Amino acid sequence: VKHNRLIQEMDHPTAGHIAVPGPAVLFSSFSPTGPTPPPLIGQHTVQVLRDTLSYSDDIIKELLESKTVAQ
């Protein structure tokens, strides 16, 4: 598993140094990039509410203040 790079190590902003699953299959013509950490809870909340759901800034502010959503 380690020889085939199925487990890779990375630094996570809150969890520190962790091991994560790497690519399950490797191809000779493809060089995978190193692992990147998953998004933090709430990291994209405002972006999704505004850009995807078309919520106004006032509604987003209310949702954040009422702790209905996290940021």
PDB file of N, CA and C in Angstrom:
ATOM      1  N   VAL A   1       0.836  -1.184   0.000  1.00  0.00           N
ATOM      2  CA  VAL A   1       0.000   0.000   0.000  1.00  0.00           C
ATOM      3  C   VAL A   1       0.881   1.247   0.000  1.00  0.00           C
ATOM      4  N   LYS A   2       1.890   1.284   0.872  1.00  0.00           N
ATOM      5  CA  LYS A   2       2.757   2.458   0.933  1.00  0.00           C
ATOM      6  C   LYS A   2       3.604   2.571  -0.340  1.00  0.00           C
ATOM      7  N   HIS A   3       4.117   1.441  -0.833  1.00  0.00           N
ATOM      8  CA  HIS A   3       4.938   1.436  -2.042  1.00  0.00           C
ATOM      9  C   HIS A   3       4.164   1.992  -3.242  1.00  0.00           C
ATOM     10  N   ASN A   4       2.890   1.663  -3.330  1.00  0.00           N
ATOM     11  CA  ASN A   4       2.057   2.135  -4.438  1.00  0.00           C
ATOM     12  C   ASN A   4       1.457   3.514  -4.190  1.00  0.00           C
ATOM     13  N   ARG A   5       1.844   4.154  -3.126  1.00  0.00           N
ATOM     14  CA  ARG A   5       1.394   5.508  -2.767  1.00  0.00           C
ATOM     15  C   ARG A   5      -0.120   5.580  -2.594  1.00  0.00           C
ATOM     16  N   LEU A   6      -0.697   4.510  -2.057  1.00  0.00           N
ATOM     17  CA  LEU A   6      -2.135   4.526  -1.795  1.00  0.00           C
ATOM     18  C   LEU A   6      -2.458   5.301  -0.526  1.00  0.00           C
ATOM     19  N   ILE A   7      -1.477   5.482   0.336  1.00  0.00           N
ATOM     20  CA  ILE A   7      -1.635   6.325   1.521  1.00  0.00           C
ATOM     21  C   ILE A   7      -0.639   7.470   1.390  1.00  0.00           C
ATOM     22  N   GLN A   8      -1.133   8.687   1.469  1.00  0.00           N
ATOM     23  CA  GLN A   8      -0.277   9.867   1.364  1.00  0.00           C
ATOM     24  C   GLN A   8      -0.421  10.700   2.626  1.00  0.00           C
ATOM     25  N   GLU A   9       0.623  11.433   2.944  1.00  0.00           N
ATOM     26  CA  GLU A   9       0.587  12.301   4.118  1.00  0.00           C
ATOM     27  C   GLU A   9       0.435  13.745   3.679  1.00  0.00           C
ATOM     28  N   MET A  10      -0.229  14.513   4.530  1.00  0.00           N
ATOM     29  CA  MET A  10      -0.443  15.925   4.219  1.00  0.00           C
ATOM     30  C   MET A  10      -0.614  16.707   5.513  1.00  0.00           C
ATOM     31  N   ASP A  11      -0.479  17.998   5.415  1.00  0.00           N
ATOM     32  CA  ASP A  11      -0.729  18.882   6.553  1.00  0.00           C
ATOM     33  C   ASP A  11      -2.128  19.460   6.417  1.00  0.00           C
ATOM     34  N   HIS A  12      -2.906  19.333   7.484  1.00  0.00           N
ATOM     35  CA  HIS A  12      -4.271  19.863   7.518  1.00  0.00           C
ATOM     36  C   HIS A  12      -4.265  21.094   8.413  1.00  0.00           C
ATOM     37  N   PRO A  13      -5.002  22.166   8.046  1.00  0.00           N
ATOM     38  CA  PRO A  13      -4.953  23.406   8.823  1.00  0.00           C
ATOM     39  C   PRO A  13      -5.405  23.275  10.279  1.00  0.00           C
ATOM     40  N   THR A  14      -6.283  22.325  10.586  1.00  0.00           N
ATOM     41  CA  THR A  14      -6.722  22.182  11.980  1.00  0.00           C
ATOM     42  C   THR A  14      -6.349  20.843  12.590  1.00  0.00           C
ATOM     43  N   ALA A  15      -6.215  19.798  11.783  1.00  0.00           N
ATOM     44  CA  ALA A  15      -5.919  18.460  12.309  1.00  0.00           C
ATOM     45  C   ALA A  15      -4.431  18.166  12.368  1.00  0.00           C
ATOM     46  N   GLY A  16      -3.602  19.015  11.768  1.00  0.00           N
ATOM     47  CA  GLY A  16      -2.161  18.785  11.768  1.00  0.00           C
ATOM     48  C   GLY A  16      -1.750  17.827  10.659  1.00  0.00           C
ATOM     49  N   HIS A  17      -0.705  17.061  10.915  1.00  0.00           N
ATOM     50  CA  HIS A  17      -0.161  16.131   9.922  1.00  0.00           C
ATOM     51  C   HIS A  17      -1.005  14.857   9.923  1.00  0.00           C
ATOM     52  N   ILE A  18      -1.603  14.511   8.775  1.00  0.00           N
ATOM     53  CA  ILE A  18      -2.496  13.350   8.702  1.00  0.00           C
ATOM     54  C   ILE A  18      -2.169  12.487   7.481  1.00  0.00           C
ATOM     55  N   ALA A  19      -2.621  11.239   7.514  1.00  0.00           N
ATOM     56  CA  ALA A  19      -2.516  10.328   6.375  1.00  0.00           C
ATOM     57  C   ALA A  19      -3.886  10.242   5.715  1.00  0.00           C
ATOM     58  N   VAL A  20      -3.886  10.289   4.394  1.00  0.00           N
ATOM     59  CA  VAL A  20      -5.140  10.246   3.639  1.00  0.00           C
ATOM     60  C   VAL A  20      -5.004   9.246   2.492  1.00  0.00           C
ATOM     61  N   PRO A  21      -6.133   8.714   2.002  1.00  0.00           N
ATOM     62  CA  PRO A  21      -6.060   7.810   0.854  1.00  0.00           C
ATOM     63  C   PRO A  21      -5.579   8.553  -0.386  1.00  0.00           C
ATOM     64  N   GLY A  22      -4.696   7.931  -1.122  1.00  0.00           N
ATOM     65  CA  GLY A  22      -4.228   8.498  -2.381  1.00  0.00           C
ATOM     66  C   GLY A  22      -5.035   7.934  -3.531  1.00  0.00           C
ATOM     67  N   PRO A  23      -4.563   8.130  -4.753  1.00  0.00           N
ATOM     68  CA  PRO A  23      -5.289   7.598  -5.904  1.00  0.00           C
ATOM     69  C   PRO A  23      -5.285   6.070  -5.881  1.00  0.00           C
ATOM     70  N   ALA A  24      -6.413   5.467  -6.215  1.00  0.00           N
ATOM     71  CA  ALA A  24      -6.526   4.007  -6.196  1.00  0.00           C
ATOM     72  C   ALA A  24      -5.819   3.366  -7.386  1.00  0.00           C
ATOM     73  N   VAL A  25      -5.675   4.111  -8.465  1.00  0.00           N
ATOM     74  CA  VAL A  25      -5.039   3.592  -9.671  1.00  0.00           C
ATOM     75  C   VAL A  25      -4.025   4.619 -10.144  1.00  0.00           C
ATOM     76  N   LEU A  26      -2.858   4.158 -10.564  1.00  0.00           N
ATOM     77  CA  LEU A  26      -1.835   5.046 -11.108  1.00  0.00           C
ATOM     78  C   LEU A  26      -1.589   4.689 -12.571  1.00  0.00           C
ATOM     79  N   PHE A  27      -1.472   5.694 -13.418  1.00  0.00           N
ATOM     80  CA  PHE A  27      -1.208   5.495 -14.832  1.00  0.00           C
ATOM     81  C   PHE A  27       0.140   6.109 -15.166  1.00  0.00           C
ATOM     82  N   SER A  28       0.882   5.492 -16.077  1.00  0.00           N
ATOM     83  CA  SER A  28       2.218   5.971 -16.405  1.00  0.00           C
ATOM     84  C   SER A  28       2.191   7.364 -17.021  1.00  0.00           C
ATOM     85  N   SER A  29       1.134   7.727 -17.711  1.00  0.00           N
ATOM     86  CA  SER A  29       1.073   9.035 -18.367  1.00  0.00           C
ATOM     87  C   SER A  29       0.414  10.105 -17.498  1.00  0.00           C
ATOM     88  N   PHE A  30       0.129   9.773 -16.261  1.00  0.00           N
ATOM     89  CA  PHE A  30      -0.567  10.709 -15.368  1.00  0.00           C
ATOM     90  C   PHE A  30       0.217  10.848 -14.073  1.00  0.00           C
ATOM     91  N   SER A  31       0.545  12.075 -13.717  1.00  0.00           N
ATOM     92  CA  SER A  31       1.236  12.341 -12.456  1.00  0.00           C
ATOM     93  C   SER A  31       0.267  13.032 -11.510  1.00  0.00           C
ATOM     94  N   PRO A  32      -0.211  12.318 -10.497  1.00  0.00           N
ATOM     95  CA  PRO A  32      -1.158  12.955  -9.569  1.00  0.00           C
ATOM     96  C   PRO A  32      -0.474  14.041  -8.747  1.00  0.00           C
ATOM     97  N   THR A  33      -1.209  15.062  -8.437  1.00  0.00           N
ATOM     98  CA  THR A  33      -0.690  16.101  -7.557  1.00  0.00           C
ATOM     99  C   THR A  33      -0.810  15.616  -6.121  1.00  0.00           C
ATOM    100  N   GLY A  34      -0.138  16.281  -5.226  1.00  0.00           N
ATOM    101  CA  GLY A  34      -0.223  15.911  -3.820  1.00  0.00           C
ATOM    102  C   GLY A  34      -1.615  16.146  -3.284  1.00  0.00           C
ATOM    103  N   PRO A  35      -1.941  15.497  -2.191  1.00  0.00           N
ATOM    104  CA  PRO A  35      -3.278  15.673  -1.621  1.00  0.00           C
ATOM    105  C   PRO A  35      -3.474  17.087  -1.085  1.00  0.00           C
ATOM    106  N   THR A  36      -4.689  17.544  -1.127  1.00  0.00           N
ATOM    107  CA  THR A  36      -5.039  18.841  -0.548  1.00  0.00           C
ATOM    108  C   THR A  36      -6.090  18.614   0.528  1.00  0.00           C
ATOM    109  N   PRO A  37      -6.114  19.455   1.542  1.00  0.00           N
ATOM    110  CA  PRO A  37      -7.073  19.238   2.631  1.00  0.00           C
ATOM    111  C   PRO A  37      -8.503  19.506   2.178  1.00  0.00           C
ATOM    112  N   PRO A  38      -9.448  18.823   2.801  1.00  0.00           N
ATOM    113  CA  PRO A  38     -10.849  19.113   2.496  1.00  0.00           C
ATOM    114  C   PRO A  38     -11.208  20.495   3.026  1.00  0.00           C
ATOM    115  N   PRO A  39     -12.277  21.090   2.532  1.00  0.00           N
ATOM    116  CA  PRO A  39     -12.670  22.405   3.045  1.00  0.00           C
ATOM    117  C   PRO A  39     -13.057  22.321   4.517  1.00  0.00           C
ATOM    118  N   LEU A  40     -12.823  23.392   5.227  1.00  0.00           N
ATOM    119  CA  LEU A  40     -13.222  23.472   6.628  1.00  0.00           C
ATOM    120  C   LEU A  40     -14.724  23.702   6.714  1.00  0.00           C
ATOM    121  N   ILE A  41     -15.313  23.362   7.828  1.00  0.00           N
ATOM    122  CA  ILE A  41     -16.752  23.567   8.007  1.00  0.00           C
ATOM    123  C   ILE A  41     -17.064  25.053   7.845  1.00  0.00           C
ATOM    124  N   GLY A  42     -17.973  25.352   6.954  1.00  0.00           N
ATOM    125  CA  GLY A  42     -18.390  26.727   6.727  1.00  0.00           C
ATOM    126  C   GLY A  42     -17.492  27.528   5.813  1.00  0.00           C
ATOM    127  N   GLN A  43     -16.429  26.927   5.309  1.00  0.00           N
ATOM    128  CA  GLN A  43     -15.465  27.671   4.501  1.00  0.00           C
ATOM    129  C   GLN A  43     -16.103  28.302   3.264  1.00  0.00           C
ATOM    130  N   HIS A  44     -17.069  27.637   2.667  1.00  0.00           N
ATOM    131  CA  HIS A  44     -17.688  28.142   1.441  1.00  0.00           C
ATOM    132  C   HIS A  44     -19.148  28.531   1.625  1.00  0.00           C
ATOM    133  N   THR A  45     -19.585  28.671   2.870  1.00  0.00           N
ATOM    134  CA  THR A  45     -20.997  28.943   3.146  1.00  0.00           C
ATOM    135  C   THR A  45     -21.501  30.194   2.431  1.00  0.00           C
ATOM    136  N   VAL A  46     -20.831  31.304   2.638  1.00  0.00           N
ATOM    137  CA  VAL A  46     -21.297  32.568   2.054  1.00  0.00           C
ATOM    138  C   VAL A  46     -21.260  32.492   0.529  1.00  0.00           C
ATOM    139  N   GLN A  47     -20.214  31.911  -0.013  1.00  0.00           N
ATOM    140  CA  GLN A  47     -20.097  31.786  -1.465  1.00  0.00           C
ATOM    141  C   GLN A  47     -21.261  30.982  -2.038  1.00  0.00           C
ATOM    142  N   VAL A  48     -21.612  29.866  -1.417  1.00  0.00           N
ATOM    143  CA  VAL A  48     -22.716  29.035  -1.912  1.00  0.00           C
ATOM    144  C   VAL A  48     -24.046  29.769  -1.766  1.00  0.00           C
ATOM    145  N   LEU A  49     -24.266  30.391  -0.607  1.00  0.00           N
ATOM    146  CA  LEU A  49     -25.528  31.105  -0.391  1.00  0.00           C
ATOM    147  C   LEU A  49     -25.699  32.244  -1.391  1.00  0.00           C
ATOM    148  N   ARG A  50     -24.623  32.978  -1.637  1.00  0.00           N
ATOM    149  CA  ARG A  50     -24.704  34.134  -2.531  1.00  0.00           C
ATOM    150  C   ARG A  50     -24.707  33.707  -4.001  1.00  0.00           C
ATOM    151  N   ASP A  51     -23.715  32.913  -4.401  1.00  0.00           N
ATOM    152  CA  ASP A  51     -23.517  32.633  -5.825  1.00  0.00           C
ATOM    153  C   ASP A  51     -24.417  31.523  -6.364  1.00  0.00           C
ATOM    154  N   THR A  52     -24.668  30.509  -5.562  1.00  0.00           N
ATOM    155  CA  THR A  52     -25.462  29.375  -6.040  1.00  0.00           C
ATOM    156  C   THR A  52     -26.941  29.546  -5.739  1.00  0.00           C
ATOM    157  N   LEU A  53     -27.251  30.026  -4.530  1.00  0.00           N
ATOM    158  CA  LEU A  53     -28.648  30.147  -4.119  1.00  0.00           C
ATOM    159  C   LEU A  53     -29.212  31.555  -4.271  1.00  0.00           C
ATOM    160  N   SER A  54     -28.369  32.509  -4.664  1.00  0.00           N
ATOM    161  CA  SER A  54     -28.772  33.902  -4.907  1.00  0.00           C
ATOM    162  C   SER A  54     -29.384  34.570  -3.684  1.00  0.00           C
ATOM    163  N   TYR A  55     -28.896  34.231  -2.487  1.00  0.00           N
ATOM    164  CA  TYR A  55     -29.379  34.884  -1.268  1.00  0.00           C
ATOM    165  C   TYR A  55     -28.787  36.289  -1.179  1.00  0.00           C
ATOM    166  N   SER A  56     -29.557  37.211  -0.642  1.00  0.00           N
ATOM    167  CA  SER A  56     -29.073  38.583  -0.464  1.00  0.00           C
ATOM    168  C   SER A  56     -28.120  38.631   0.732  1.00  0.00           C
ATOM    169  N   ASP A  57     -27.338  39.689   0.796  1.00  0.00           N
ATOM    170  CA  ASP A  57     -26.414  39.859   1.923  1.00  0.00           C
ATOM    171  C   ASP A  57     -27.163  39.946   3.248  1.00  0.00           C
ATOM    172  N   ASP A  58     -28.348  40.573   3.237  1.00  0.00           N
ATOM    173  CA  ASP A  58     -29.142  40.681   4.469  1.00  0.00           C
ATOM    174  C   ASP A  58     -29.591  39.308   4.967  1.00  0.00           C
ATOM    175  N   ILE A  59     -30.049  38.468   4.063  1.00  0.00           N
ATOM    176  CA  ILE A  59     -30.486  37.117   4.440  1.00  0.00           C
ATOM    177  C   ILE A  59     -29.293  36.311   4.954  1.00  0.00           C
ATOM    178  N   ILE A  60     -28.166  36.415   4.266  1.00  0.00           N
ATOM    179  CA  ILE A  60     -26.962  35.694   4.696  1.00  0.00           C
ATOM    180  C   ILE A  60     -26.553  36.142   6.088  1.00  0.00           C
ATOM    181  N   LYS A  61     -26.606  37.454   6.330  1.00  0.00           N
ATOM    182  CA  LYS A  61     -26.260  37.980   7.651  1.00  0.00           C
ATOM    183  C   LYS A  61     -27.189  37.409   8.722  1.00  0.00           C
ATOM    184  N   GLU A  62     -28.485  37.367   8.437  1.00  0.00           N
ATOM    185  CA  GLU A  62     -29.456  36.809   9.391  1.00  0.00           C
ATOM    186  C   GLU A  62     -29.165  35.331   9.673  1.00  0.00           C
ATOM    187  N   LEU A  63     -28.875  34.579   8.632  1.00  0.00           N
ATOM    188  CA  LEU A  63     -28.587  33.150   8.802  1.00  0.00           C
ATOM    189  C   LEU A  63     -27.334  32.931   9.646  1.00  0.00           C
ATOM    190  N   LEU A  64     -26.317  33.748   9.414  1.00  0.00           N
ATOM    191  CA  LEU A  64     -25.084  33.635  10.197  1.00  0.00           C
ATOM    192  C   LEU A  64     -25.309  34.040  11.653  1.00  0.00           C
ATOM    193  N   GLU A  65     -26.012  35.153  11.867  1.00  0.00           N
ATOM    194  CA  GLU A  65     -26.251  35.637  13.230  1.00  0.00           C
ATOM    195  C   GLU A  65     -27.127  34.684  14.036  1.00  0.00           C
ATOM    196  N   SER A  66     -28.075  34.025  13.376  1.00  0.00           N
ATOM    197  CA  SER A  66     -28.950  33.082  14.079  1.00  0.00           C
ATOM    198  C   SER A  66     -28.298  31.701  14.220  1.00  0.00           C
ATOM    199  N   LYS A  67     -27.101  31.574  13.659  1.00  0.00           N
ATOM    200  CA  LYS A  67     -26.341  30.318  13.690  1.00  0.00           C
ATOM    201  C   LYS A  67     -27.068  29.181  12.976  1.00  0.00           C
ATOM    202  N   THR A  68     -27.910  29.572  12.008  1.00  0.00           N
ATOM    203  CA  THR A  68     -28.558  28.582  11.154  1.00  0.00           C
ATOM    204  C   THR A  68     -27.528  27.945  10.231  1.00  0.00           C
ATOM    205  N   VAL A  69     -26.539  28.740   9.822  1.00  0.00           N
ATOM    206  CA  VAL A  69     -25.421  28.256   9.011  1.00  0.00           C
ATOM    207  C   VAL A  69     -24.123  28.645   9.707  1.00  0.00           C
ATOM    208  N   ALA A  70     -23.062  27.951   9.361  1.00  0.00           N
ATOM    209  CA  ALA A  70     -21.750  28.231   9.960  1.00  0.00           C
ATOM    210  C   ALA A  70     -20.831  28.855   8.928  1.00  0.00           C
ATOM    211  N   GLN A  71     -19.891  29.630   9.440  1.00  0.00           N
ATOM    212  CA  GLN A  71     -18.885  30.219   8.560  1.00  0.00           C
ATOM    213  C   GLN A  71     -17.529  30.028   9.167  1.00  0.00           C
TER     214      GLN A  71
END
